C-alpha atoms as a PDB file:
ATOM      1  CA  MET A   1      16.929 154.293 191.115  1.00  0.00           C
ATOM      2  CA  GLY A   2      13.821 155.660 189.423  1.00  0.00           C
ATOM      3  CA  ASP A   3      12.254 158.704 187.777  1.00  0.00           C
ATOM      4  CA  ALA A   4      11.593 161.391 190.410  1.00  0.00           C
ATOM      5  CA  TYR A   5       8.655 162.597 188.317  1.00  0.00           C
ATOM      6  CA  ASP A   6       6.727 159.518 189.511  1.00  0.00           C
ATOM      7  CA  LEU A   7       7.963 159.322 193.127  1.00  0.00           C
ATOM      8  CA  PRO A   8       5.219 160.811 195.347  1.00  0.00           C
ATOM      9  CA  TRP A   9       7.412 161.758 198.341  1.00  0.00           C
ATOM     10  CA  VAL A  10       9.821 164.093 196.491  1.00  0.00           C
ATOM     11  CA  PRO A  11       9.073 167.666 195.337  1.00  0.00           C
ATOM     12  CA  TYR A  12       9.892 166.714 191.732  1.00  0.00           C
ATOM     13  CA  PHE A  13       6.752 164.536 191.658  1.00  0.00           C
ATOM     14  CA  GLY A  14       4.684 165.563 188.647  1.00  0.00           C
ATOM     15  CA  HIS A  15       7.129 168.366 187.789  1.00  0.00           C
ATOM     16  CA  GLU A  16      10.530 167.211 186.531  1.00  0.00           C
ATOM     17  CA  HIS A  17      12.072 164.030 185.122  1.00  0.00           C
ATOM     18  CA  MET A  18      15.373 163.056 186.733  1.00  0.00           C
ATOM     19  CA  GLN A  19      17.018 159.921 188.093  1.00  0.00           C
ATOM     20  CA  HIS A  20      16.612 159.623 191.844  1.00  0.00           C
ATOM     21  CA  GLY A  21      17.999 157.034 194.228  1.00  0.00           C
ATOM     22  CA  PHE A  22      16.376 155.618 197.355  1.00  0.00           C
ATOM     23  CA  VAL A  23      16.570 152.505 199.538  1.00  0.00           C
ATOM     24  CA  VAL A  24      13.837 149.922 200.026  1.00  0.00           C
ATOM     25  CA  VAL A  25      14.400 148.575 203.552  1.00  0.00           C
ATOM     26  CA  GLY A  26      11.315 146.393 203.782  1.00  0.00           C
ATOM     27  CA  VAL A  27       8.498 144.832 201.771  1.00  0.00           C
ATOM     28  CA  GLU A  28       5.127 144.060 203.336  1.00  0.00           C
ATOM     29  CA  GLY A  29       2.874 142.481 200.753  1.00  0.00           C
ATOM     30  CA  SER A  30       2.486 145.116 198.056  1.00  0.00           C
ATOM     31  CA  THR A  31       3.757 147.924 200.308  1.00  0.00           C
ATOM     32  CA  LEU A  32       7.358 149.153 200.271  1.00  0.00           C
ATOM     33  CA  ARG A  33       9.129 150.781 203.214  1.00  0.00           C
ATOM     34  CA  VAL A  34      11.425 153.394 201.681  1.00  0.00           C
ATOM     35  CA  VAL A  35      14.272 155.411 203.183  1.00  0.00           C
ATOM     36  CA  ASP A  36      15.310 158.469 201.211  1.00  0.00           C
ATOM     37  CA  PRO A  37      18.113 160.668 202.655  1.00  0.00           C
ATOM     38  CA  TYR A  38      17.770 163.331 199.940  1.00  0.00           C
ATOM     39  CA  ASP A  39      18.007 166.859 201.385  1.00  0.00           C
ATOM     40  CA  ASN A  40      17.744 169.808 199.026  1.00  0.00           C
ATOM     41  CA  VAL A  41      15.819 172.977 198.239  1.00  0.00           C
ATOM     42  CA  THR A  42      13.947 172.853 194.930  1.00  0.00           C
ATOM     43  CA  ARG A  43      11.669 175.268 193.128  1.00  0.00           C
ATOM     44  CA  TRP A  44       8.741 173.054 194.215  1.00  0.00           C
ATOM     45  CA  GLY A  45       9.650 172.975 197.886  1.00  0.00           C
ATOM     46  CA  ARG A  46      12.233 171.418 200.160  1.00  0.00           C
ATOM     47  CA  ALA A  47      13.140 167.747 200.016  1.00  0.00           C
ATOM     48  CA  VAL A  48      13.978 166.329 203.451  1.00  0.00           C
ATOM     49  CA  PRO A  49      15.214 162.889 204.542  1.00  0.00           C
ATOM     50  CA  VAL A  50      12.198 160.636 205.066  1.00  0.00           C
ATOM     51  CA  THR A  51      11.046 157.112 205.783  1.00  0.00           C
ATOM     52  CA  VAL A  52       7.772 156.404 203.986  1.00  0.00           C
ATOM     53  CA  ARG A  53       5.474 153.527 203.122  1.00  0.00           C
ATOM     54  CA  VAL A  54       4.226 153.466 199.534  1.00  0.00           C
ATOM     55  CA  GLY A  55       2.239 150.996 197.505  1.00  0.00           C
ATOM     56  CA  LEU A  56       4.091 149.229 194.714  1.00  0.00           C
ATOM     57  CA  HIS A  57       1.486 150.588 192.286  1.00  0.00           C
ATOM     58  CA  GLU A  58       2.478 154.150 193.320  1.00  0.00           C
ATOM     59  CA  VAL A  59       6.080 153.744 192.166  1.00  0.00           C
ATOM     60  CA  GLU A  60       5.584 151.245 189.353  1.00  0.00           C
ATOM     61  CA  ARG A  61       5.922 153.883 186.629  1.00  0.00           C
ATOM     62  CA  ALA A  62       9.041 155.341 188.242  1.00  0.00           C
ATOM     63  CA  LEU A  63      10.713 151.937 188.239  1.00  0.00           C
ATOM     64  CA  THR A  64       9.721 150.861 184.725  1.00  0.00           C
ATOM     65  CA  ALA A  65      12.947 152.241 183.262  1.00  0.00           C
ATOM     66  CA  GLY A  66      14.813 152.304 186.569  1.00  0.00           C
ATOM     67  CA  SER A  67      17.520 150.102 188.039  1.00  0.00           C
ATOM     68  CA  TRP A  68      18.066 148.322 191.340  1.00  0.00           C
ATOM     69  CA  ALA A  69      20.620 146.354 193.307  1.00  0.00           C
ATOM     70  CA  THR A  70      20.572 144.174 196.426  1.00  0.00           C
ATOM     71  CA  LEU A  71      23.146 144.792 199.159  1.00  0.00           C
ATOM     72  CA  GLU A  72      24.388 141.805 201.111  1.00  0.00           C
ATOM     73  CA  GLU A  73      27.171 141.551 203.682  1.00  0.00           C
ATOM     74  CA  VAL A  74      29.856 139.168 202.429  1.00  0.00           C
ATOM     75  CA  GLY A  75      32.799 137.866 204.427  1.00  0.00           C
ATOM     76  CA  ARG A  76      34.252 139.131 207.667  1.00  0.00           C
ATOM     77  CA  ARG A  77      34.853 142.786 208.435  1.00  0.00           C
ATOM     78  CA  ARG A  78      38.492 143.820 208.367  1.00  0.00           C
ATOM     79  CA  ASP A  79      40.213 146.139 210.803  1.00  0.00           C
ATOM     80  CA  VAL A  80      41.391 149.337 209.135  1.00  0.00           C
ATOM     81  CA  SER A  81      43.740 152.136 210.132  1.00  0.00           C
ATOM     82  CA  VAL A  82      41.737 155.339 210.386  1.00  0.00           C
ATOM     83  CA  ALA A  83      44.949 157.383 210.468  1.00  0.00           C
ATOM     84  CA  ASP A  84      46.103 155.861 207.170  1.00  0.00           C
ATOM     85  CA  ILE A  85      42.729 156.442 205.507  1.00  0.00           C
ATOM     86  CA  VAL A  86      42.529 160.095 206.593  1.00  0.00           C
ATOM     87  CA  ALA A  87      46.134 160.767 205.540  1.00  0.00           C
ATOM     88  CA  ARG A  88      45.591 159.078 202.184  1.00  0.00           C
ATOM     89  CA  ASN A  89      42.447 161.132 201.543  1.00  0.00           C
ATOM     90  CA  CYS A  90      44.379 164.361 202.209  1.00  0.00           C
ATOM     91  CA  LYS A  91      47.243 163.297 199.954  1.00  0.00           C
ATOM     92  CA  VAL A  92      44.863 162.450 197.114  1.00  0.00           C
ATOM     93  CA  MET A  93      43.106 165.793 197.501  1.00  0.00           C
ATOM     94  CA  SER A  94      46.422 167.680 197.325  1.00  0.00           C
ATOM     95  CA  SER A  95      47.898 165.605 194.486  1.00  0.00           C
ATOM     96  CA  ASP A  96      48.797 166.791 190.979  1.00  0.00           C
ATOM     97  CA  ALA A  97      46.133 164.483 189.563  1.00  0.00           C
ATOM     98  CA  THR A  98      43.461 166.220 191.627  1.00  0.00           C
ATOM     99  CA  ALA A  99      44.782 169.623 190.513  1.00  0.00           C
ATOM    100  CA  ASP A 100      44.378 168.494 186.881  1.00  0.00           C
ATOM    101  CA  ASN A 101      40.842 167.280 187.584  1.00  0.00           C
ATOM    102  CA  VAL A 102      39.983 170.613 189.195  1.00  0.00           C
ATOM    103  CA  ARG A 103      41.256 172.496 186.137  1.00  0.00           C
ATOM    104  CA  ARG A 104      39.162 170.305 183.827  1.00  0.00           C
ATOM    105  CA  PHE A 105      36.130 170.736 186.074  1.00  0.00           C
ATOM    106  CA  LEU A 106      36.410 174.525 186.014  1.00  0.00           C
ATOM    107  CA  THR A 107      37.102 174.637 182.267  1.00  0.00           C
ATOM    108  CA  SER A 108      33.936 172.645 181.566  1.00  0.00           C
ATOM    109  CA  TYR A 109      31.934 175.574 182.975  1.00  0.00           C
ATOM    110  CA  ASP A 110      33.699 178.374 181.103  1.00  0.00           C
ATOM    111  CA  GLU A 111      30.471 178.890 179.170  1.00  0.00           C
ATOM    112  CA  LEU A 112      27.444 179.024 181.456  1.00  0.00           C
ATOM    113  CA  THR A 113      24.496 177.863 179.404  1.00  0.00           C
ATOM    114  CA  ARG A 114      21.172 176.608 180.724  1.00  0.00           C
ATOM    115  CA  GLU A 115      22.321 173.029 180.145  1.00  0.00           C
ATOM    116  CA  SER A 116      25.721 173.476 181.803  1.00  0.00           C
ATOM    117  CA  LEU A 117      24.117 175.225 184.785  1.00  0.00           C
ATOM    118  CA  GLN A 118      21.664 172.337 185.210  1.00  0.00           C
ATOM    119  CA  ASN A 119      24.657 170.026 185.445  1.00  0.00           C
ATOM    120  CA  LEU A 120      26.597 172.397 187.697  1.00  0.00           C
ATOM    121  CA  THR A 121      23.656 172.680 190.105  1.00  0.00           C
ATOM    122  CA  LEU A 122      23.637 168.909 190.445  1.00  0.00           C
ATOM    123  CA  GLN A 123      27.434 168.652 190.787  1.00  0.00           C
ATOM    124  CA  THR A 124      27.656 171.314 193.491  1.00  0.00           C
ATOM    125  CA  TRP A 125      24.850 169.611 195.420  1.00  0.00           C
ATOM    126  CA  LEU A 126      26.709 166.283 195.229  1.00  0.00           C
ATOM    127  CA  LEU A 127      30.006 167.878 196.261  1.00  0.00           C
ATOM    128  CA  THR A 128      28.363 169.690 199.180  1.00  0.00           C
ATOM    129  CA  ARG A 129      26.781 166.461 200.383  1.00  0.00           C
ATOM    130  CA  ASP A 130      30.103 164.631 199.991  1.00  0.00           C
ATOM    131  CA  ARG A 131      31.922 167.177 202.165  1.00  0.00           C
ATOM    132  CA  GLU A 132      29.156 167.169 204.774  1.00  0.00           C
ATOM    133  CA  LEU A 133      29.223 163.373 205.031  1.00  0.00           C
ATOM    134  CA  HIS A 134      33.021 163.338 205.178  1.00  0.00           C
ATOM    135  CA  SER A 135      33.072 165.822 208.049  1.00  0.00           C
ATOM    136  CA  ARG A 136      30.502 163.723 209.924  1.00  0.00           C
ATOM    137  CA  TRP A 137      32.623 160.603 209.385  1.00  0.00           C
ATOM    138  CA  LEU A 138      35.690 162.426 210.719  1.00  0.00           C
ATOM    139  CA  PHE A 139      33.773 163.445 213.833  1.00  0.00           C
ATOM    140  CA  ASP A 140      32.689 159.814 214.280  1.00  0.00           C
ATOM    141  CA  VAL A 141      36.233 158.409 214.008  1.00  0.00           C
ATOM    142  CA  ALA A 142      37.780 161.092 216.225  1.00  0.00           C
ATOM    143  CA  ASN A 143      37.158 158.860 219.237  1.00  0.00           C
ATOM    144  CA  VAL A 144      39.726 156.385 217.877  1.00  0.00           C
ATOM    145  CA  TYR A 145      41.866 158.957 216.033  1.00  0.00           C
ATOM    146  CA  PRO A 146      41.678 162.344 217.864  1.00  0.00           C
ATOM    147  CA  PRO A 147      43.550 164.388 215.182  1.00  0.00           C
ATOM    148  CA  ALA A 148      40.552 163.830 212.890  1.00  0.00           C
ATOM    149  CA  ASP A 149      38.484 166.139 215.094  1.00  0.00           C
ATOM    150  CA  ASP A 150      40.380 169.283 214.043  1.00  0.00           C
ATOM    151  CA  LEU A 151      40.024 168.438 210.359  1.00  0.00           C
ATOM    152  CA  ALA A 152      36.336 167.677 210.835  1.00  0.00           C
ATOM    153  CA  ARG A 153      35.747 171.083 212.441  1.00  0.00           C
ATOM    154  CA  VAL A 154      37.507 172.964 209.654  1.00  0.00           C
ATOM    155  CA  LEU A 155      35.488 171.073 207.048  1.00  0.00           C
ATOM    156  CA  ALA A 156      32.205 171.680 208.884  1.00  0.00           C
ATOM    157  CA  ASP A 157      32.883 175.328 209.768  1.00  0.00           C
ATOM    158  CA  GLN A 158      34.693 176.540 206.634  1.00  0.00           C
ATOM    159  CA  VAL A 159      34.624 174.201 203.640  1.00  0.00           C
ATOM    160  CA  VAL A 160      31.008 172.992 203.814  1.00  0.00           C
ATOM    161  CA  PRO A 161      29.552 176.537 204.097  1.00  0.00           C
ATOM    162  CA  GLN A 162      31.619 177.579 201.056  1.00  0.00           C
ATOM    163  CA  TRP A 163      30.260 174.649 199.066  1.00  0.00           C
ATOM    164  CA  LYS A 164      26.729 175.530 200.167  1.00  0.00           C
ATOM    165  CA  LYS A 165      27.289 179.063 198.906  1.00  0.00           C
ATOM    166  CA  ALA A 166      28.541 177.724 195.552  1.00  0.00           C
ATOM    167  CA  GLN A 167      25.530 175.414 195.384  1.00  0.00           C
ATOM    168  CA  GLU A 168      23.086 178.250 196.083  1.00  0.00           C
ATOM    169  CA  LEU A 169      24.803 180.534 193.578  1.00  0.00           C
ATOM    170  CA  SER A 170      24.640 177.804 190.921  1.00  0.00           C
ATOM    171  CA  TYR A 171      20.924 177.406 191.508  1.00  0.00           C
ATOM    172  CA  ILE A 172      20.350 181.176 191.319  1.00  0.00           C
ATOM    173  CA  ALA A 173      22.369 181.285 188.091  1.00  0.00           C
ATOM    174  CA  LEU A 174      20.265 178.480 186.623  1.00  0.00           C
ATOM    175  CA  ARG A 175      17.002 180.222 187.448  1.00  0.00           C
ATOM    176  CA  ARG A 176      18.297 183.483 185.944  1.00  0.00           C
ATOM    177  CA  ALA A 177      19.458 181.670 182.801  1.00  0.00           C
ATOM    178  CA  GLU A 178      16.040 180.059 182.454  1.00  0.00           C
ATOM    179  CA  GLY A 179      14.523 183.536 182.651  1.00  0.00           C
ATOM    180  CA  GLY A 180      16.890 184.923 180.004  1.00  0.00           C
ATOM    181  CA  LYS A 181      18.769 187.078 182.510  1.00  0.00           C
ATOM    182  CA  SER A 182      22.489 187.571 183.160  1.00  0.00           C
ATOM    183  CA  VAL A 183      24.055 185.053 185.545  1.00  0.00           C
ATOM    184  CA  PRO A 184      26.372 185.664 188.527  1.00  0.00           C
ATOM    185  CA  ASN A 185      30.066 184.737 188.529  1.00  0.00           C
ATOM    186  CA  VAL A 186      29.731 181.131 189.677  1.00  0.00           C
ATOM    187  CA  GLN A 187      33.188 180.159 188.372  1.00  0.00           C
ATOM    188  CA  GLU A 188      34.997 182.449 190.811  1.00  0.00           C
ATOM    189  CA  GLU A 189      33.115 180.973 193.774  1.00  0.00           C
ATOM    190  CA  LEU A 190      34.087 177.487 192.591  1.00  0.00           C
ATOM    191  CA  ARG A 191      37.748 178.493 192.279  1.00  0.00           C
ATOM    192  CA  ILE A 192      37.753 179.858 195.830  1.00  0.00           C
ATOM    193  CA  VAL A 193      36.253 176.788 197.501  1.00  0.00           C
ATOM    194  CA  LEU A 194      38.358 174.319 195.508  1.00  0.00           C
ATOM    195  CA  ARG A 195      41.544 176.280 196.218  1.00  0.00           C
ATOM    196  CA  ASN A 196      40.715 176.473 199.924  1.00  0.00           C
ATOM    197  CA  GLU A 197      40.015 172.781 200.395  1.00  0.00           C
ATOM    198  CA  ILE A 198      43.182 171.801 198.509  1.00  0.00           C
ATOM    199  CA  HIS A 199      45.132 174.171 200.770  1.00  0.00           C
ATOM    200  CA  LEU A 200      43.497 172.533 203.794  1.00  0.00           C
ATOM    201  CA  ALA A 201      44.477 169.065 202.601  1.00  0.00           C
ATOM    202  CA  LYS A 202      48.076 170.089 201.965  1.00  0.00           C
ATOM    203  CA  ASN A 203      48.536 171.776 205.323  1.00  0.00           C
ATOM    204  CA  SER A 204      46.549 169.492 207.590  1.00  0.00           C
ATOM    205  CA  ALA A 205      48.558 167.705 210.264  1.00  0.00           C
ATOM    206  CA  VAL A 206      46.833 164.408 209.434  1.00  0.00           C
ATOM    207  CA  SER A 207      48.242 164.479 205.874  1.00  0.00           C
ATOM    208  CA  ARG A 208      51.751 164.002 207.291  1.00  0.00           C
ATOM    209  CA  VAL A 209      50.981 160.783 209.167  1.00  0.00           C
END
């Protein structure tokens, strides 16, 4: 995790300070082999998933105040029930606790300031990525749990596009706020997508396993 302002492969390089995560998959002398799955449209161009080689001196400044961790496999892998995991995810999404969290999330953006829109732009990007990755995982596990395929298709065809729309609208609102202009009704778009995915979780066949 380092400062994107000093990471030469991302569009934020030399433009904006923000924490940015990436994975070092190899070290060859003073050269790092980096994998960065970040995929987003920024005002300085599009960031796409890449594998790059960079000199340690090129990222030294980015890592000065950064953080890092080493991942190691520990112990034996355990067998899991995909059906139980998918059902539990749906039940959590349709729970009263999640409904309370959704209300707090929406309330925190009642006032759309430049600062709150900066945060909202990041949150909607993270939520969009989360839903995209979850739908891909469901497609992957459908070979051992076929009912997951239907849920994966609804997520990919309906929920993910709605989150992408909310993400794009948040970014447009931020740019307009930075220019001193009126902002679009982002809150309503958030209410729609959150309501729809909770409805999907409640009514999905896999939630009744």
